[in-house]
Amino acid sequence: MDHRPKLSIIILAYNEAAHIGHCLEAIGKQLTPADEVIVVNNNSTDDTVVIAKQFAFAKIINESTQGMIPARTAGFAAATGDLLARIDAETILPPQWVATVHRLFDGYADQPYALSGPVILHDTGNRFANVFFGRLTFWTYAWGSRLMLGYHTLYGANMVITRAAYKLTQTLVCHPDAREQKQLGMLEDMDIAIHLHQAGGHILYSTKIEAAVSKRGLTNSLRWRFWAWFETAIHHRLAVAKQRAAAE
């Protein structure tokens, strides 16, 4: 490509007043600025939007259908970048994150590729615990997923996909609503990775784009996340098996 690919950062937010300010502050301190920052307000009833409006570079859009999947879809549809970075409102990006994404990923901007990296925690109150428990949880998820699937998956708090990858998967990914997603045990980031791989796309992984997230994923919903992790992989493996059996 003749120009540097445009990078859009999409942040999904539902009642994130405690986190969204810190997330946007970190984005504002990037050594290489993001070209576009979109906050998807998913029916917040707290001060999420009030705080987000304090950051002039942030574009706020509203998605009335509750759930991460509708919010993600709205954010990707609104973004104009060649590279679509998807993070959570609790994610704290280090200052070199955008520059590193460009260095690692610009060469894939016109191809169906995705990129993800590890995380640490930022709010345990202990630096060792931040690094140890964050990386332990991520490595369990990342390498456990690779063993189950045979390829790397994506981590929704720290991932980038190309527009080509989004177009390839937007009609293939699963679209349960928030209640169904919970009942099915559906990890929407893994779902993207599975359908991208099945459609012939590629998933890259790099430790060079490490980010920091909140410990709440370990304290609030860890049991559900592990259950959903297995359920998502098993659901799709069974679906592929049925398709192959029908084709024979």
C-alpha atoms as a PDB file:
ATOM      1  CA  MET A   1       0.000   0.000   0.000  1.00  0.00           C
ATOM      2  CA  ASP A   2       1.216   3.525  -0.788  1.00  0.00           C
ATOM      3  CA  HIS A   3       0.085   5.087   2.482  1.00  0.00           C
ATOM      4  CA  ARG A   4       0.052   4.158   6.144  1.00  0.00           C
ATOM      5  CA  PRO A   5      -3.156   2.237   6.845  1.00  0.00           C
ATOM      6  CA  LYS A   6      -5.696   4.122   8.933  1.00  0.00           C
ATOM      7  CA  LEU A   7      -6.201   2.702  12.421  1.00  0.00           C
ATOM      8  CA  SER A   8      -9.564   2.904  14.202  1.00  0.00           C
ATOM      9  CA  ILE A   9      -9.880   1.967  17.882  1.00  0.00           C
ATOM     10  CA  ILE A  10     -13.340   0.722  18.877  1.00  0.00           C
ATOM     11  CA  ILE A  11     -14.245   0.625  22.577  1.00  0.00           C
ATOM     12  CA  LEU A  12     -17.343  -1.208  23.800  1.00  0.00           C
ATOM     13  CA  ALA A  13     -18.886   0.449  26.854  1.00  0.00           C
ATOM     14  CA  TYR A  14     -21.791  -0.449  29.132  1.00  0.00           C
ATOM     15  CA  ASN A  15     -21.760   1.386  32.487  1.00  0.00           C
ATOM     16  CA  GLU A  16     -18.004   1.906  32.357  1.00  0.00           C
ATOM     17  CA  ALA A  17     -17.720   5.195  34.268  1.00  0.00           C
ATOM     18  CA  ALA A  18     -15.053   3.675  36.519  1.00  0.00           C
ATOM     19  CA  HIS A  19     -12.842   2.726  33.565  1.00  0.00           C
ATOM     20  CA  ILE A  20     -13.562   4.706  30.396  1.00  0.00           C
ATOM     21  CA  GLY A  21     -11.632   7.808  31.467  1.00  0.00           C
ATOM     22  CA  HIS A  22      -8.443   5.850  32.158  1.00  0.00           C
ATOM     23  CA  CYS A  23      -8.844   3.965  28.878  1.00  0.00           C
ATOM     24  CA  LEU A  24      -9.192   7.174  26.847  1.00  0.00           C
ATOM     25  CA  GLU A  25      -6.376   8.896  28.735  1.00  0.00           C
ATOM     26  CA  ALA A  26      -4.040   6.103  27.674  1.00  0.00           C
ATOM     27  CA  ILE A  27      -5.181   6.404  24.068  1.00  0.00           C
ATOM     28  CA  GLY A  28      -4.557  10.149  24.199  1.00  0.00           C
ATOM     29  CA  LYS A  29      -0.956   9.485  25.315  1.00  0.00           C
ATOM     30  CA  GLN A  30      -0.060   7.252  22.370  1.00  0.00           C
ATOM     31  CA  LEU A  31       3.298   8.123  20.796  1.00  0.00           C
ATOM     32  CA  THR A  32       1.635   7.594  17.424  1.00  0.00           C
ATOM     33  CA  PRO A  33      -1.981   8.817  17.573  1.00  0.00           C
ATOM     34  CA  ALA A  34      -4.827   6.574  16.482  1.00  0.00           C
ATOM     35  CA  ASP A  35      -6.595   7.917  13.396  1.00  0.00           C
ATOM     36  CA  GLU A  36     -10.040   7.347  14.883  1.00  0.00           C
ATOM     37  CA  VAL A  37     -11.446   6.449  18.303  1.00  0.00           C
ATOM     38  CA  ILE A  38     -15.035   5.241  18.627  1.00  0.00           C
ATOM     39  CA  VAL A  39     -16.817   4.619  21.927  1.00  0.00           C
ATOM     40  CA  VAL A  40     -19.891   2.433  21.499  1.00  0.00           C
ATOM     41  CA  ASN A  41     -22.317   3.329  24.275  1.00  0.00           C
ATOM     42  CA  ASN A  42     -24.472   0.256  24.863  1.00  0.00           C
ATOM     43  CA  ASN A  43     -27.312   1.723  26.989  1.00  0.00           C
ATOM     44  CA  SER A  44     -25.140   2.995  29.841  1.00  0.00           C
ATOM     45  CA  THR A  45     -27.070   4.472  32.773  1.00  0.00           C
ATOM     46  CA  ASP A  46     -24.061   5.885  34.620  1.00  0.00           C
ATOM     47  CA  ASP A  47     -21.619   8.679  33.612  1.00  0.00           C
ATOM     48  CA  THR A  48     -19.870   6.721  30.872  1.00  0.00           C
ATOM     49  CA  VAL A  49     -20.951   9.106  28.120  1.00  0.00           C
ATOM     50  CA  VAL A  50     -20.361  12.220  30.239  1.00  0.00           C
ATOM     51  CA  ILE A  51     -16.762  11.151  30.848  1.00  0.00           C
ATOM     52  CA  ALA A  52     -16.158  10.052  27.255  1.00  0.00           C
ATOM     53  CA  LYS A  53     -17.324  13.448  25.987  1.00  0.00           C
ATOM     54  CA  GLN A  54     -14.427  15.067  27.851  1.00  0.00           C
ATOM     55  CA  PHE A  55     -12.062  13.595  25.253  1.00  0.00           C
ATOM     56  CA  ALA A  56     -12.362  15.570  22.027  1.00  0.00           C
ATOM     57  CA  PHE A  57     -10.791  12.832  19.907  1.00  0.00           C
ATOM     58  CA  ALA A  58     -13.454  10.283  20.892  1.00  0.00           C
ATOM     59  CA  LYS A  59     -16.496   9.788  18.691  1.00  0.00           C
ATOM     60  CA  ILE A  60     -19.462   8.417  20.631  1.00  0.00           C
ATOM     61  CA  ILE A  61     -22.109   6.281  18.970  1.00  0.00           C
ATOM     62  CA  ASN A  62     -25.094   4.563  20.582  1.00  0.00           C
ATOM     63  CA  GLU A  63     -26.210   0.971  20.151  1.00  0.00           C
ATOM     64  CA  SER A  64     -29.606   0.252  21.706  1.00  0.00           C
ATOM     65  CA  THR A  65     -29.523  -3.540  21.293  1.00  0.00           C
ATOM     66  CA  GLN A  66     -27.881  -4.830  24.447  1.00  0.00           C
ATOM     67  CA  GLY A  67     -24.838  -7.056  24.243  1.00  0.00           C
ATOM     68  CA  MET A  68     -21.215  -7.143  23.165  1.00  0.00           C
ATOM     69  CA  ILE A  69     -21.992  -8.583  19.744  1.00  0.00           C
ATOM     70  CA  PRO A  70     -24.432  -5.809  18.671  1.00  0.00           C
ATOM     71  CA  ALA A  71     -22.071  -3.203  20.159  1.00  0.00           C
ATOM     72  CA  ARG A  72     -19.085  -4.695  18.349  1.00  0.00           C
ATOM     73  CA  THR A  73     -20.996  -4.858  15.074  1.00  0.00           C
ATOM     74  CA  ALA A  74     -22.068  -1.213  15.394  1.00  0.00           C
ATOM     75  CA  GLY A  75     -18.515  -0.124  16.171  1.00  0.00           C
ATOM     76  CA  PHE A  76     -16.982  -1.993  13.257  1.00  0.00           C
ATOM     77  CA  ALA A  77     -19.667  -0.670  10.895  1.00  0.00           C
ATOM     78  CA  ALA A  78     -19.066   2.932  11.995  1.00  0.00           C
ATOM     79  CA  ALA A  79     -15.277   2.737  11.780  1.00  0.00           C
ATOM     80  CA  THR A  80     -13.500   4.031   8.681  1.00  0.00           C
ATOM     81  CA  GLY A  81     -10.056   2.530   9.309  1.00  0.00           C
ATOM     82  CA  ASP A  82      -8.173  -0.079   7.322  1.00  0.00           C
ATOM     83  CA  LEU A  83      -7.208  -1.625  10.682  1.00  0.00           C
ATOM     84  CA  LEU A  84      -9.944  -2.085  13.284  1.00  0.00           C
ATOM     85  CA  ALA A  85      -8.619  -2.291  16.825  1.00  0.00           C
ATOM     86  CA  ARG A  86     -11.120  -3.689  19.293  1.00  0.00           C
ATOM     87  CA  ILE A  87     -10.520  -3.147  23.020  1.00  0.00           C
ATOM     88  CA  ASP A  88     -12.601  -3.058  26.189  1.00  0.00           C
ATOM     89  CA  ALA A  89     -13.356   0.065  28.204  1.00  0.00           C
ATOM     90  CA  GLU A  90     -11.113  -1.300  30.963  1.00  0.00           C
ATOM     91  CA  THR A  91      -8.115  -1.742  28.635  1.00  0.00           C
ATOM     92  CA  ILE A  92      -5.077   0.451  29.255  1.00  0.00           C
ATOM     93  CA  LEU A  93      -2.845   0.638  26.191  1.00  0.00           C
ATOM     94  CA  PRO A  94       0.859   1.369  26.741  1.00  0.00           C
ATOM     95  CA  PRO A  95       2.145   4.503  24.924  1.00  0.00           C
ATOM     96  CA  GLN A  96       3.791   2.560  22.099  1.00  0.00           C
ATOM     97  CA  TRP A  97       0.801   0.302  21.353  1.00  0.00           C
ATOM     98  CA  VAL A  98      -0.490   2.065  18.216  1.00  0.00           C
ATOM     99  CA  ALA A  99       3.020   2.474  16.802  1.00  0.00           C
ATOM    100  CA  THR A 100       3.733  -1.210  17.427  1.00  0.00           C
ATOM    101  CA  VAL A 101       0.512  -2.287  15.719  1.00  0.00           C
ATOM    102  CA  HIS A 102       1.482  -0.260  12.663  1.00  0.00           C
ATOM    103  CA  ARG A 103       4.977  -1.758  12.635  1.00  0.00           C
ATOM    104  CA  LEU A 104       3.722  -5.329  12.976  1.00  0.00           C
ATOM    105  CA  PHE A 105       0.502  -5.193  11.001  1.00  0.00           C
ATOM    106  CA  ASP A 106       0.543  -2.555   8.250  1.00  0.00           C
ATOM    107  CA  GLY A 107       1.809  -5.091   5.747  1.00  0.00           C
ATOM    108  CA  TYR A 108      -1.375  -7.134   6.195  1.00  0.00           C
ATOM    109  CA  ALA A 109      -3.840  -4.246   5.969  1.00  0.00           C
ATOM    110  CA  ASP A 110      -5.353  -5.308   2.648  1.00  0.00           C
ATOM    111  CA  GLN A 111      -5.573  -9.010   3.572  1.00  0.00           C
ATOM    112  CA  PRO A 112      -7.910 -11.047   5.842  1.00  0.00           C
ATOM    113  CA  TYR A 113      -5.703 -11.056   8.925  1.00  0.00           C
ATOM    114  CA  ALA A 114      -6.194 -10.500  12.646  1.00  0.00           C
ATOM    115  CA  LEU A 115      -3.692  -9.735  15.397  1.00  0.00           C
ATOM    116  CA  SER A 116      -3.887 -10.262  19.149  1.00  0.00           C
ATOM    117  CA  GLY A 117      -1.556 -10.082  22.117  1.00  0.00           C
ATOM    118  CA  PRO A 118      -1.317 -10.821  25.840  1.00  0.00           C
ATOM    119  CA  VAL A 119      -2.511  -8.810  28.807  1.00  0.00           C
ATOM    120  CA  ILE A 120      -1.499  -8.066  32.368  1.00  0.00           C
ATOM    121  CA  LEU A 121      -3.679  -6.585  35.111  1.00  0.00           C
ATOM    122  CA  HIS A 122      -3.554  -2.945  36.173  1.00  0.00           C
ATOM    123  CA  ASP A 123      -5.545  -2.779  39.403  1.00  0.00           C
ATOM    124  CA  THR A 124      -4.555  -5.463  41.918  1.00  0.00           C
ATOM    125  CA  GLY A 125      -2.455  -2.986  43.880  1.00  0.00           C
ATOM    126  CA  ASN A 126       0.630  -5.173  43.485  1.00  0.00           C
ATOM    127  CA  ARG A 127       2.889  -5.064  40.435  1.00  0.00           C
ATOM    128  CA  PHE A 128       3.910  -8.714  40.729  1.00  0.00           C
ATOM    129  CA  ALA A 129       0.276  -9.818  41.013  1.00  0.00           C
ATOM    130  CA  ASN A 130      -0.652  -7.615  38.035  1.00  0.00           C
ATOM    131  CA  VAL A 131       1.872  -9.361  35.822  1.00  0.00           C
ATOM    132  CA  PHE A 132       1.639 -12.894  37.226  1.00  0.00           C
ATOM    133  CA  PHE A 133      -2.141 -13.337  37.361  1.00  0.00           C
ATOM    134  CA  GLY A 134      -2.740 -11.409  34.139  1.00  0.00           C
ATOM    135  CA  ARG A 135      -0.274 -13.431  32.124  1.00  0.00           C
ATOM    136  CA  LEU A 136      -1.240 -16.726  33.768  1.00  0.00           C
ATOM    137  CA  THR A 137      -4.890 -16.231  32.860  1.00  0.00           C
ATOM    138  CA  PHE A 138      -4.084 -15.110  29.347  1.00  0.00           C
ATOM    139  CA  TRP A 139      -1.618 -17.908  28.627  1.00  0.00           C
ATOM    140  CA  THR A 140      -4.129 -20.461  29.886  1.00  0.00           C
ATOM    141  CA  TYR A 141      -6.740 -19.013  27.539  1.00  0.00           C
ATOM    142  CA  ALA A 142      -4.435 -18.503  24.553  1.00  0.00           C
ATOM    143  CA  TRP A 143      -2.581 -21.792  24.566  1.00  0.00           C
ATOM    144  CA  GLY A 144      -5.552 -23.790  25.795  1.00  0.00           C
ATOM    145  CA  SER A 145      -7.496 -22.392  22.854  1.00  0.00           C
ATOM    146  CA  ARG A 146      -4.690 -23.283  20.478  1.00  0.00           C
ATOM    147  CA  LEU A 147      -4.729 -26.858  21.752  1.00  0.00           C
ATOM    148  CA  MET A 148      -8.510 -27.073  21.335  1.00  0.00           C
ATOM    149  CA  LEU A 149      -8.701 -25.318  17.974  1.00  0.00           C
ATOM    150  CA  GLY A 150      -5.320 -25.930  16.383  1.00  0.00           C
ATOM    151  CA  TYR A 151      -4.645 -22.225  15.828  1.00  0.00           C
ATOM    152  CA  HIS A 152      -4.453 -18.959  17.757  1.00  0.00           C
ATOM    153  CA  THR A 153      -7.644 -17.256  18.868  1.00  0.00           C
ATOM    154  CA  LEU A 154      -8.318 -13.561  19.577  1.00  0.00           C
ATOM    155  CA  TYR A 155      -8.596 -11.752  22.886  1.00  0.00           C
ATOM    156  CA  GLY A 156     -11.286  -9.079  22.755  1.00  0.00           C
ATOM    157  CA  ALA A 157      -9.556  -6.654  25.118  1.00  0.00           C
ATOM    158  CA  ASN A 158      -6.467  -6.469  22.899  1.00  0.00           C
ATOM    159  CA  MET A 159      -7.006  -7.257  19.227  1.00  0.00           C
ATOM    160  CA  VAL A 160      -6.914  -5.790  15.724  1.00  0.00           C
ATOM    161  CA  ILE A 161      -8.501  -7.086  12.544  1.00  0.00           C
ATOM    162  CA  THR A 162      -8.174  -5.775   9.035  1.00  0.00           C
ATOM    163  CA  ARG A 163     -11.188  -4.424   7.213  1.00  0.00           C
ATOM    164  CA  ALA A 164     -10.765  -7.307   4.784  1.00  0.00           C
ATOM    165  CA  ALA A 165     -11.084  -9.763   7.688  1.00  0.00           C
ATOM    166  CA  TYR A 166     -14.165  -7.966   8.978  1.00  0.00           C
ATOM    167  CA  LYS A 167     -15.836  -8.115   5.563  1.00  0.00           C
ATOM    168  CA  LEU A 168     -14.979 -11.782   5.256  1.00  0.00           C
ATOM    169  CA  THR A 169     -16.519 -12.701   8.603  1.00  0.00           C
ATOM    170  CA  GLN A 170     -19.357 -10.219   9.153  1.00  0.00           C
ATOM    171  CA  THR A 171     -22.001 -12.525   7.659  1.00  0.00           C
ATOM    172  CA  LEU A 172     -20.445 -15.699   9.094  1.00  0.00           C
ATOM    173  CA  VAL A 173     -20.060 -14.919  12.788  1.00  0.00           C
ATOM    174  CA  CYS A 174     -22.731 -15.967  15.258  1.00  0.00           C
ATOM    175  CA  HIS A 175     -25.257 -13.304  16.302  1.00  0.00           C
ATOM    176  CA  PRO A 176     -26.952 -14.366  19.550  1.00  0.00           C
ATOM    177  CA  ASP A 177     -28.429 -11.574  21.652  1.00  0.00           C
ATOM    178  CA  ALA A 178     -27.027 -10.844  25.106  1.00  0.00           C
ATOM    179  CA  ARG A 179     -29.236 -13.400  26.870  1.00  0.00           C
ATOM    180  CA  GLU A 180     -28.630 -16.127  24.292  1.00  0.00           C
ATOM    181  CA  GLN A 181     -24.893 -15.421  24.329  1.00  0.00           C
ATOM    182  CA  LYS A 182     -24.858 -16.017  28.086  1.00  0.00           C
ATOM    183  CA  GLN A 183     -26.972 -19.151  27.809  1.00  0.00           C
ATOM    184  CA  LEU A 184     -24.893 -20.597  24.976  1.00  0.00           C
ATOM    185  CA  GLY A 185     -21.615 -19.753  26.631  1.00  0.00           C
ATOM    186  CA  MET A 186     -20.423 -17.814  23.590  1.00  0.00           C
ATOM    187  CA  LEU A 187     -17.109 -15.954  23.581  1.00  0.00           C
ATOM    188  CA  GLU A 188     -17.567 -13.515  20.728  1.00  0.00           C
ATOM    189  CA  ASP A 189     -13.837 -12.872  20.244  1.00  0.00           C
ATOM    190  CA  MET A 190     -13.142 -16.588  19.855  1.00  0.00           C
ATOM    191  CA  ASP A 191     -16.154 -16.803  17.543  1.00  0.00           C
ATOM    192  CA  ILE A 192     -14.574 -14.220  15.212  1.00  0.00           C
ATOM    193  CA  ALA A 193     -11.298 -16.146  15.235  1.00  0.00           C
ATOM    194  CA  ILE A 194     -12.992 -19.449  14.422  1.00  0.00           C
ATOM    195  CA  HIS A 195     -14.975 -18.078  11.499  1.00  0.00           C
ATOM    196  CA  LEU A 196     -11.998 -16.119  10.166  1.00  0.00           C
ATOM    197  CA  HIS A 197      -9.886 -19.254  10.172  1.00  0.00           C
ATOM    198  CA  GLN A 198     -12.638 -21.338   8.586  1.00  0.00           C
ATOM    199  CA  ALA A 199     -13.013 -18.718   5.835  1.00  0.00           C
ATOM    200  CA  GLY A 200      -9.316 -18.852   4.984  1.00  0.00           C
ATOM    201  CA  GLY A 201      -8.115 -15.865   6.999  1.00  0.00           C
ATOM    202  CA  HIS A 202      -5.138 -15.797   9.322  1.00  0.00           C
ATOM    203  CA  ILE A 203      -4.597 -14.941  12.995  1.00  0.00           C
ATOM    204  CA  LEU A 204      -1.273 -13.546  14.175  1.00  0.00           C
ATOM    205  CA  TYR A 205      -0.111 -13.344  17.751  1.00  0.00           C
ATOM    206  CA  SER A 206       2.580 -11.105  19.225  1.00  0.00           C
ATOM    207  CA  THR A 207       3.819 -10.441  22.751  1.00  0.00           C
ATOM    208  CA  LYS A 208       4.863  -6.981  21.539  1.00  0.00           C
ATOM    209  CA  ILE A 209       1.327  -5.570  21.801  1.00  0.00           C
ATOM    210  CA  GLU A 210       0.715  -6.412  25.444  1.00  0.00           C
ATOM    211  CA  ALA A 211      -2.006  -4.325  27.132  1.00  0.00           C
ATOM    212  CA  ALA A 212      -3.394  -4.064  30.671  1.00  0.00           C
ATOM    213  CA  VAL A 213      -6.929  -4.945  31.811  1.00  0.00           C
ATOM    214  CA  SER A 214      -8.922  -4.909  35.028  1.00  0.00           C
ATOM    215  CA  LYS A 215      -8.921  -7.782  37.528  1.00  0.00           C
ATOM    216  CA  ARG A 216     -12.737  -7.854  37.376  1.00  0.00           C
ATOM    217  CA  GLY A 217     -12.564 -10.543  34.699  1.00  0.00           C
ATOM    218  CA  LEU A 218     -10.951 -12.778  37.293  1.00  0.00           C
ATOM    219  CA  THR A 219     -13.261 -11.851  40.158  1.00  0.00           C
ATOM    220  CA  ASN A 220     -16.673 -11.311  38.530  1.00  0.00           C
ATOM    221  CA  SER A 221     -17.119 -13.903  35.804  1.00  0.00           C
ATOM    222  CA  LEU A 222     -14.109 -16.223  35.638  1.00  0.00           C
ATOM    223  CA  ARG A 223     -16.205 -19.353  36.069  1.00  0.00           C
ATOM    224  CA  TRP A 224     -18.526 -18.352  33.203  1.00  0.00           C
ATOM    225  CA  ARG A 225     -15.587 -17.362  30.984  1.00  0.00           C
ATOM    226  CA  PHE A 226     -13.948 -20.762  31.331  1.00  0.00           C
ATOM    227  CA  TRP A 227     -17.237 -22.538  30.693  1.00  0.00           C
ATOM    228  CA  ALA A 228     -17.908 -20.322  27.679  1.00  0.00           C
ATOM    229  CA  TRP A 229     -14.374 -20.941  26.424  1.00  0.00           C
ATOM    230  CA  PHE A 230     -15.010 -24.693  26.175  1.00  0.00           C
ATOM    231  CA  GLU A 231     -18.587 -24.267  24.953  1.00  0.00           C
ATOM    232  CA  THR A 232     -17.563 -21.946  22.107  1.00  0.00           C
ATOM    233  CA  ALA A 233     -14.862 -24.302  20.870  1.00  0.00           C
ATOM    234  CA  ILE A 234     -17.022 -27.417  21.208  1.00  0.00           C
ATOM    235  CA  HIS A 235     -20.057 -25.785  19.562  1.00  0.00           C
ATOM    236  CA  HIS A 236     -18.057 -24.849  16.478  1.00  0.00           C
ATOM    237  CA  ARG A 237     -16.179 -28.131  16.247  1.00  0.00           C
ATOM    238  CA  LEU A 238     -19.496 -30.007  16.286  1.00  0.00           C
ATOM    239  CA  ALA A 239     -20.889 -27.658  13.642  1.00  0.00           C
ATOM    240  CA  VAL A 240     -17.884 -28.285  11.374  1.00  0.00           C
ATOM    241  CA  ALA A 241     -18.207 -32.040  11.908  1.00  0.00           C
ATOM    242  CA  LYS A 242     -21.884 -31.906  10.911  1.00  0.00           C
ATOM    243  CA  GLN A 243     -21.029 -29.907   7.772  1.00  0.00           C
ATOM    244  CA  ARG A 244     -18.357 -32.393   6.760  1.00  0.00           C
ATOM    245  CA  ALA A 245     -20.687 -35.326   7.389  1.00  0.00           C
ATOM    246  CA  ALA A 246     -23.405 -33.720   5.284  1.00  0.00           C
ATOM    247  CA  ALA A 247     -20.944 -33.107   2.439  1.00  0.00           C
ATOM    248  CA  GLU A 248     -19.803 -36.732   2.328  1.00  0.00           C
END
